[in-house]
Amino acid sequence: MLLLSLIIAEAALETVPKSIAKHPSVVKQASKIGKRADEMLLDRSYHHSAMLKLKDTWKRGRPDLVHFTLLEATSTPLYQKNMLKVYVHTTANKAIFLNENVRLPKSYFRFAGLMEELFKNRKLRSNSDVLMELKDMEFCDLIGKLRPTKVIGLSRIGVKSSAEEVAKIVNSDTVIVVGGFPRGHFSSNVSMKIKYTYSISDLALEAHVVIARILYECEKILFK
């Protein structure tokens, strides 16, 4: 059976860094919801002024974007038929491993609560089953663990192609990498591990749209 892996790379999903935990905007929200500052998700909607001090700030603080991409990926027939493994690799070098048949909440607020629990406890369980696990891991180590035969990145600055043409070169144990950040491009730490990088549109498509298109084209080939 063909098994694909999808990595949402440099995902804008993290808890509030300690360096800005005492910023007034962070303290205000923490007090409002009754949580420690470093247990909340970093969110530009609430923490914009605090985030101005962070490195690569334009790539961070968009957990809603990661929510969209994960919903898209885990709603596909490929995932439901256990032919797709999904991973999230964050800007802070955390890797999230999703188990088979994980159903994510469609409500963003429920999703945010689950992610805060995951970052705190490192695992999410349903009875005795582990649904998600968080590990400290650099991108190169995640690729090394997966040992793919091919790594394909999708980026606006890649070689011009189409989702249909890219799907044709997917083979067994291929990893597809899509950025999980709102703007910019893959860092050198990520791009150096990607053998082929393609652009499937002249437009700057959002990550969940890219995922929907490439996985649909893969399904058309696999489910003939």
C-alpha atoms as a PDB file:
ATOM      1  CA  MET A   1       0.000   0.000   0.000  1.00  0.00           C
ATOM      2  CA  LEU A   2       1.229   3.478  -0.871  1.00  0.00           C
ATOM      3  CA  LEU A   3       1.791   5.472   2.289  1.00  0.00           C
ATOM      4  CA  LEU A   4       2.252   9.223   2.084  1.00  0.00           C
ATOM      5  CA  SER A   5       3.427  11.527   4.832  1.00  0.00           C
ATOM      6  CA  LEU A   6       2.461  15.175   5.139  1.00  0.00           C
ATOM      7  CA  ILE A   7       4.533  17.542   7.244  1.00  0.00           C
ATOM      8  CA  ILE A   8       3.131  20.956   8.102  1.00  0.00           C
ATOM      9  CA  ALA A   9       6.525  22.595   8.506  1.00  0.00           C
ATOM     10  CA  GLU A  10       7.564  25.597  10.616  1.00  0.00           C
ATOM     11  CA  ALA A  11       4.010  25.679  11.880  1.00  0.00           C
ATOM     12  CA  ALA A  12       2.942  28.856  13.681  1.00  0.00           C
ATOM     13  CA  LEU A  13       1.863  26.833  16.716  1.00  0.00           C
ATOM     14  CA  GLU A  14       3.561  27.311  20.066  1.00  0.00           C
ATOM     15  CA  THR A  15       2.932  28.435  23.615  1.00  0.00           C
ATOM     16  CA  VAL A  16       3.854  31.947  24.698  1.00  0.00           C
ATOM     17  CA  PRO A  17       7.672  32.204  24.953  1.00  0.00           C
ATOM     18  CA  LYS A  18       9.006  33.091  28.387  1.00  0.00           C
ATOM     19  CA  SER A  19      10.737  36.151  26.921  1.00  0.00           C
ATOM     20  CA  ILE A  20       7.382  37.907  26.460  1.00  0.00           C
ATOM     21  CA  ALA A  21       5.394  36.224  29.253  1.00  0.00           C
ATOM     22  CA  LYS A  22       5.385  39.440  31.332  1.00  0.00           C
ATOM     23  CA  HIS A  23       4.269  41.728  28.519  1.00  0.00           C
ATOM     24  CA  PRO A  24       1.045  43.584  29.462  1.00  0.00           C
ATOM     25  CA  SER A  25      -0.973  42.084  26.570  1.00  0.00           C
ATOM     26  CA  VAL A  26       0.048  38.564  27.595  1.00  0.00           C
ATOM     27  CA  VAL A  27      -0.534  39.136  31.315  1.00  0.00           C
ATOM     28  CA  LYS A  28      -3.957  40.620  30.588  1.00  0.00           C
ATOM     29  CA  GLN A  29      -5.144  37.610  28.615  1.00  0.00           C
ATOM     30  CA  ALA A  30      -3.672  35.114  31.083  1.00  0.00           C
ATOM     31  CA  SER A  31      -5.526  36.813  33.918  1.00  0.00           C
ATOM     32  CA  LYS A  32      -8.736  36.876  31.909  1.00  0.00           C
ATOM     33  CA  ILE A  33      -8.786  33.141  31.166  1.00  0.00           C
ATOM     34  CA  GLY A  34      -7.138  31.999  34.396  1.00  0.00           C
ATOM     35  CA  LYS A  35      -4.010  30.378  32.953  1.00  0.00           C
ATOM     36  CA  ARG A  36      -0.288  30.828  33.294  1.00  0.00           C
ATOM     37  CA  ALA A  37       1.099  32.943  30.490  1.00  0.00           C
ATOM     38  CA  ASP A  38       3.448  30.226  29.232  1.00  0.00           C
ATOM     39  CA  GLU A  39       0.561  27.712  29.051  1.00  0.00           C
ATOM     40  CA  MET A  40      -1.394  29.768  26.501  1.00  0.00           C
ATOM     41  CA  LEU A  41      -0.971  29.478  22.744  1.00  0.00           C
ATOM     42  CA  LEU A  42       0.866  32.367  21.169  1.00  0.00           C
ATOM     43  CA  ASP A  43      -1.782  34.164  19.118  1.00  0.00           C
ATOM     44  CA  ARG A  44      -1.239  37.315  17.095  1.00  0.00           C
ATOM     45  CA  SER A  45      -4.873  38.300  17.632  1.00  0.00           C
ATOM     46  CA  TYR A  46      -4.076  38.869  21.325  1.00  0.00           C
ATOM     47  CA  HIS A  47      -0.301  39.237  21.512  1.00  0.00           C
ATOM     48  CA  HIS A  48       0.627  41.340  18.487  1.00  0.00           C
ATOM     49  CA  SER A  49       2.417  44.083  20.419  1.00  0.00           C
ATOM     50  CA  ALA A  50       4.360  41.568  22.497  1.00  0.00           C
ATOM     51  CA  MET A  51       5.343  39.569  19.427  1.00  0.00           C
ATOM     52  CA  LEU A  52       7.148  42.518  17.844  1.00  0.00           C
ATOM     53  CA  LYS A  53      10.166  41.566  19.967  1.00  0.00           C
ATOM     54  CA  LEU A  54      10.306  37.979  18.717  1.00  0.00           C
ATOM     55  CA  LYS A  55      12.608  36.577  16.053  1.00  0.00           C
ATOM     56  CA  ASP A  56      10.823  35.701  12.783  1.00  0.00           C
ATOM     57  CA  THR A  57       7.674  37.272  14.189  1.00  0.00           C
ATOM     58  CA  TRP A  58       5.901  37.237  10.794  1.00  0.00           C
ATOM     59  CA  LYS A  59       5.952  33.439  10.830  1.00  0.00           C
ATOM     60  CA  ARG A  60       4.546  32.984  14.321  1.00  0.00           C
ATOM     61  CA  GLY A  61       1.362  33.232  16.338  1.00  0.00           C
ATOM     62  CA  ARG A  62      -1.185  31.749  13.899  1.00  0.00           C
ATOM     63  CA  PRO A  63      -2.585  28.600  15.506  1.00  0.00           C
ATOM     64  CA  ASP A  64      -5.815  29.168  13.564  1.00  0.00           C
ATOM     65  CA  LEU A  65      -3.904  28.587  10.327  1.00  0.00           C
ATOM     66  CA  VAL A  66      -2.547  25.285  11.650  1.00  0.00           C
ATOM     67  CA  HIS A  67      -6.078  24.317  12.694  1.00  0.00           C
ATOM     68  CA  PHE A  68      -7.331  24.879   9.128  1.00  0.00           C
ATOM     69  CA  THR A  69      -4.541  22.814   7.593  1.00  0.00           C
ATOM     70  CA  LEU A  70      -4.982  19.911  10.001  1.00  0.00           C
ATOM     71  CA  LEU A  71      -8.738  19.838   9.448  1.00  0.00           C
ATOM     72  CA  GLU A  72      -8.160  19.734   5.700  1.00  0.00           C
ATOM     73  CA  ALA A  73      -5.609  16.935   5.851  1.00  0.00           C
ATOM     74  CA  THR A  74      -7.460  14.727   8.337  1.00  0.00           C
ATOM     75  CA  SER A  75     -10.764  15.088   6.457  1.00  0.00           C
ATOM     76  CA  THR A  76      -9.399  13.513   3.265  1.00  0.00           C
ATOM     77  CA  PRO A  77     -10.131   9.958   2.095  1.00  0.00           C
ATOM     78  CA  LEU A  78      -6.371   9.316   2.100  1.00  0.00           C
ATOM     79  CA  TYR A  79      -6.179   9.929   5.827  1.00  0.00           C
ATOM     80  CA  GLN A  80      -9.414   8.108   6.580  1.00  0.00           C
ATOM     81  CA  LYS A  81      -8.137   5.044   4.701  1.00  0.00           C
ATOM     82  CA  ASN A  82      -4.864   5.133   6.702  1.00  0.00           C
ATOM     83  CA  MET A  83      -2.832   5.974   3.588  1.00  0.00           C
ATOM     84  CA  LEU A  84      -1.647   9.328   4.924  1.00  0.00           C
ATOM     85  CA  LYS A  85       0.404  10.110   8.024  1.00  0.00           C
ATOM     86  CA  VAL A  86       0.260  13.686   9.273  1.00  0.00           C
ATOM     87  CA  TYR A  87       2.927  15.518  11.262  1.00  0.00           C
ATOM     88  CA  VAL A  88       3.307  19.083  12.485  1.00  0.00           C
ATOM     89  CA  HIS A  89       6.764  20.564  12.929  1.00  0.00           C
ATOM     90  CA  THR A  90       6.784  23.927  14.671  1.00  0.00           C
ATOM     91  CA  THR A  91       9.035  26.972  14.528  1.00  0.00           C
ATOM     92  CA  ALA A  92      10.219  26.061  18.033  1.00  0.00           C
ATOM     93  CA  ASN A  93      11.417  22.606  16.888  1.00  0.00           C
ATOM     94  CA  LYS A  94       8.570  20.598  18.350  1.00  0.00           C
ATOM     95  CA  ALA A  95       7.143  17.687  16.360  1.00  0.00           C
ATOM     96  CA  ILE A  96       3.534  16.593  16.759  1.00  0.00           C
ATOM     97  CA  PHE A  97       2.723  13.018  15.768  1.00  0.00           C
ATOM     98  CA  LEU A  98      -0.916  12.290  14.942  1.00  0.00           C
ATOM     99  CA  ASN A  99      -2.166   8.767  15.355  1.00  0.00           C
ATOM    100  CA  GLU A 100      -4.532   7.097  12.906  1.00  0.00           C
ATOM    101  CA  ASN A 101      -8.139   8.255  12.731  1.00  0.00           C
ATOM    102  CA  VAL A 102      -7.723  11.314  14.936  1.00  0.00           C
ATOM    103  CA  ARG A 103     -10.793  13.539  14.716  1.00  0.00           C
ATOM    104  CA  LEU A 104      -9.973  17.155  15.431  1.00  0.00           C
ATOM    105  CA  PRO A 105     -12.626  19.541  16.735  1.00  0.00           C
ATOM    106  CA  LYS A 106     -13.976  21.934  14.124  1.00  0.00           C
ATOM    107  CA  SER A 107     -14.293  24.642  16.758  1.00  0.00           C
ATOM    108  CA  TYR A 108     -11.074  26.649  16.949  1.00  0.00           C
ATOM    109  CA  PHE A 109     -11.479  27.293  20.674  1.00  0.00           C
ATOM    110  CA  ARG A 110     -11.726  23.570  21.414  1.00  0.00           C
ATOM    111  CA  PHE A 111      -8.700  22.962  19.181  1.00  0.00           C
ATOM    112  CA  ALA A 112      -6.704  25.635  21.018  1.00  0.00           C
ATOM    113  CA  GLY A 113      -7.575  24.024  24.346  1.00  0.00           C
ATOM    114  CA  LEU A 114      -6.397  20.618  23.090  1.00  0.00           C
ATOM    115  CA  MET A 115      -3.123  22.071  21.830  1.00  0.00           C
ATOM    116  CA  GLU A 116      -2.482  23.793  25.159  1.00  0.00           C
ATOM    117  CA  GLU A 117      -3.086  20.469  26.882  1.00  0.00           C
ATOM    118  CA  LEU A 118      -0.727  18.726  24.440  1.00  0.00           C
ATOM    119  CA  PHE A 119       2.063  21.249  25.013  1.00  0.00           C
ATOM    120  CA  LYS A 120       1.630  20.872  28.771  1.00  0.00           C
ATOM    121  CA  ASN A 121       1.328  17.081  29.041  1.00  0.00           C
ATOM    122  CA  ARG A 122       3.181  15.993  25.857  1.00  0.00           C
ATOM    123  CA  LYS A 123       0.468  13.434  25.031  1.00  0.00           C
ATOM    124  CA  LEU A 124      -3.256  13.451  24.336  1.00  0.00           C
ATOM    125  CA  ARG A 125      -5.078  10.243  25.183  1.00  0.00           C
ATOM    126  CA  SER A 126      -8.502   8.763  24.626  1.00  0.00           C
ATOM    127  CA  ASN A 127      -8.836   6.009  27.203  1.00  0.00           C
ATOM    128  CA  SER A 128      -5.563   4.088  26.740  1.00  0.00           C
ATOM    129  CA  ASP A 129      -4.938   5.214  23.141  1.00  0.00           C
ATOM    130  CA  VAL A 130      -2.459   7.997  22.384  1.00  0.00           C
ATOM    131  CA  LEU A 131      -4.075  10.375  19.889  1.00  0.00           C
ATOM    132  CA  MET A 132      -1.190  12.863  19.607  1.00  0.00           C
ATOM    133  CA  GLU A 133       2.308  13.096  20.967  1.00  0.00           C
ATOM    134  CA  LEU A 134       4.653  16.070  21.208  1.00  0.00           C
ATOM    135  CA  LYS A 135       8.411  15.565  20.920  1.00  0.00           C
ATOM    136  CA  ASP A 136      11.435  17.853  20.915  1.00  0.00           C
ATOM    137  CA  MET A 137      12.811  17.305  17.434  1.00  0.00           C
ATOM    138  CA  GLU A 138      14.470  19.332  14.703  1.00  0.00           C
ATOM    139  CA  PHE A 139      13.149  19.079  11.157  1.00  0.00           C
ATOM    140  CA  CYS A 140      16.154  17.113   9.941  1.00  0.00           C
ATOM    141  CA  ASP A 141      15.627  14.579  12.732  1.00  0.00           C
ATOM    142  CA  LEU A 142      11.972  14.150  11.784  1.00  0.00           C
ATOM    143  CA  ILE A 143      12.969  13.468   8.176  1.00  0.00           C
ATOM    144  CA  GLY A 144      15.598  11.040   9.425  1.00  0.00           C
ATOM    145  CA  LYS A 145      13.009   9.199  11.501  1.00  0.00           C
ATOM    146  CA  LEU A 146      10.586   8.897   8.567  1.00  0.00           C
ATOM    147  CA  ARG A 147      13.330   7.814   6.128  1.00  0.00           C
ATOM    148  CA  PRO A 148      11.362   8.781   2.990  1.00  0.00           C
ATOM    149  CA  THR A 149      12.329   7.786  -0.536  1.00  0.00           C
ATOM    150  CA  LYS A 150      11.432  11.282  -1.725  1.00  0.00           C
ATOM    151  CA  VAL A 151      10.811  14.688  -0.082  1.00  0.00           C
ATOM    152  CA  ILE A 152       8.653  17.133  -2.050  1.00  0.00           C
ATOM    153  CA  GLY A 153       8.134  20.716  -0.899  1.00  0.00           C
ATOM    154  CA  LEU A 154       5.365  23.002  -2.087  1.00  0.00           C
ATOM    155  CA  SER A 155       6.225  26.686  -2.168  1.00  0.00           C
ATOM    156  CA  ARG A 156       5.398  29.742  -4.249  1.00  0.00           C
ATOM    157  CA  ILE A 157       9.097  30.047  -5.170  1.00  0.00           C
ATOM    158  CA  GLY A 158       9.411  26.455  -6.371  1.00  0.00           C
ATOM    159  CA  VAL A 159       9.591  25.191  -9.949  1.00  0.00           C
ATOM    160  CA  LYS A 160       6.348  26.009 -11.776  1.00  0.00           C
ATOM    161  CA  SER A 161       4.126  22.964 -12.074  1.00  0.00           C
ATOM    162  CA  SER A 162       0.607  21.826 -11.164  1.00  0.00           C
ATOM    163  CA  ALA A 163      -0.872  19.674  -8.430  1.00  0.00           C
ATOM    164  CA  GLU A 164      -1.711  17.063 -11.051  1.00  0.00           C
ATOM    165  CA  GLU A 165       1.867  16.854 -12.338  1.00  0.00           C
ATOM    166  CA  VAL A 166       3.383  16.779  -8.856  1.00  0.00           C
ATOM    167  CA  ALA A 167       1.049  13.937  -7.832  1.00  0.00           C
ATOM    168  CA  LYS A 168       2.371  11.864 -10.725  1.00  0.00           C
ATOM    169  CA  ILE A 169       5.871  11.713  -9.223  1.00  0.00           C
ATOM    170  CA  VAL A 170       4.682  10.695  -5.762  1.00  0.00           C
ATOM    171  CA  ASN A 171       5.777   7.164  -4.933  1.00  0.00           C
ATOM    172  CA  SER A 172       5.836   4.903  -1.900  1.00  0.00           C
ATOM    173  CA  ASP A 173       7.077   6.588   1.297  1.00  0.00           C
ATOM    174  CA  THR A 174       7.016  10.121  -0.120  1.00  0.00           C
ATOM    175  CA  VAL A 175       6.966  13.065   2.274  1.00  0.00           C
ATOM    176  CA  ILE A 176       5.097  16.190   1.167  1.00  0.00           C
ATOM    177  CA  VAL A 177       6.093  19.386   2.985  1.00  0.00           C
ATOM    178  CA  VAL A 178       3.792  22.414   3.197  1.00  0.00           C
ATOM    179  CA  GLY A 179       4.554  25.555   5.191  1.00  0.00           C
ATOM    180  CA  GLY A 180       2.397  26.152   8.252  1.00  0.00           C
ATOM    181  CA  PHE A 181       3.137  29.873   8.512  1.00  0.00           C
ATOM    182  CA  PRO A 182       1.231  32.930   7.216  1.00  0.00           C
ATOM    183  CA  ARG A 183       3.951  34.468   5.036  1.00  0.00           C
ATOM    184  CA  GLY A 184       7.545  34.006   3.923  1.00  0.00           C
ATOM    185  CA  HIS A 185       9.318  30.876   2.758  1.00  0.00           C
ATOM    186  CA  PHE A 186      10.942  27.759   4.174  1.00  0.00           C
ATOM    187  CA  SER A 187      14.038  28.395   6.267  1.00  0.00           C
ATOM    188  CA  SER A 188      17.341  26.920   5.161  1.00  0.00           C
ATOM    189  CA  ASN A 189      17.017  24.209   7.842  1.00  0.00           C
ATOM    190  CA  VAL A 190      13.895  22.952   6.081  1.00  0.00           C
ATOM    191  CA  SER A 191      14.728  23.648   2.440  1.00  0.00           C
ATOM    192  CA  MET A 192      18.056  21.796   2.653  1.00  0.00           C
ATOM    193  CA  LYS A 193      16.117  18.572   3.379  1.00  0.00           C
ATOM    194  CA  ILE A 194      13.696  19.014   0.475  1.00  0.00           C
ATOM    195  CA  LYS A 195      14.887  17.424  -2.758  1.00  0.00           C
ATOM    196  CA  TYR A 196      12.157  18.788  -5.051  1.00  0.00           C
ATOM    197  CA  THR A 197      10.304  22.081  -4.557  1.00  0.00           C
ATOM    198  CA  TYR A 198       7.323  22.977  -6.741  1.00  0.00           C
ATOM    199  CA  SER A 199       4.865  25.813  -7.075  1.00  0.00           C
ATOM    200  CA  ILE A 200       1.375  24.642  -8.080  1.00  0.00           C
ATOM    201  CA  SER A 201      -0.129  28.103  -8.659  1.00  0.00           C
ATOM    202  CA  ASP A 202       0.801  31.610  -9.724  1.00  0.00           C
ATOM    203  CA  LEU A 203      -1.111  32.823  -6.678  1.00  0.00           C
ATOM    204  CA  ALA A 204       0.052  32.757  -3.046  1.00  0.00           C
ATOM    205  CA  LEU A 205      -2.313  30.006  -1.911  1.00  0.00           C
ATOM    206  CA  GLU A 206      -2.969  29.373   1.755  1.00  0.00           C
ATOM    207  CA  ALA A 207      -1.609  26.142   3.177  1.00  0.00           C
ATOM    208  CA  HIS A 208      -4.978  24.397   3.539  1.00  0.00           C
ATOM    209  CA  VAL A 209      -5.778  25.089  -0.129  1.00  0.00           C
ATOM    210  CA  VAL A 210      -2.424  23.655  -1.235  1.00  0.00           C
ATOM    211  CA  ILE A 211      -3.021  20.545   0.875  1.00  0.00           C
ATOM    212  CA  ALA A 212      -6.524  20.072  -0.503  1.00  0.00           C
ATOM    213  CA  ARG A 213      -5.311  20.286  -4.099  1.00  0.00           C
ATOM    214  CA  ILE A 214      -2.281  18.048  -3.870  1.00  0.00           C
ATOM    215  CA  LEU A 215      -4.000  15.333  -1.834  1.00  0.00           C
ATOM    216  CA  TYR A 216      -6.995  15.313  -4.173  1.00  0.00           C
ATOM    217  CA  GLU A 217      -4.698  14.753  -7.156  1.00  0.00           C
ATOM    218  CA  CYS A 218      -2.931  11.940  -5.294  1.00  0.00           C
ATOM    219  CA  GLU A 219      -6.305  10.350  -4.582  1.00  0.00           C
ATOM    220  CA  LYS A 220      -7.294  10.487  -8.255  1.00  0.00           C
ATOM    221  CA  ILE A 221      -4.227   8.421  -9.110  1.00  0.00           C
ATOM    222  CA  LEU A 222      -4.453   6.008  -6.184  1.00  0.00           C
ATOM    223  CA  PHE A 223      -8.182   5.343  -6.336  1.00  0.00           C
ATOM    224  CA  LYS A 224      -8.479   4.603 -10.067  1.00  0.00           C
END
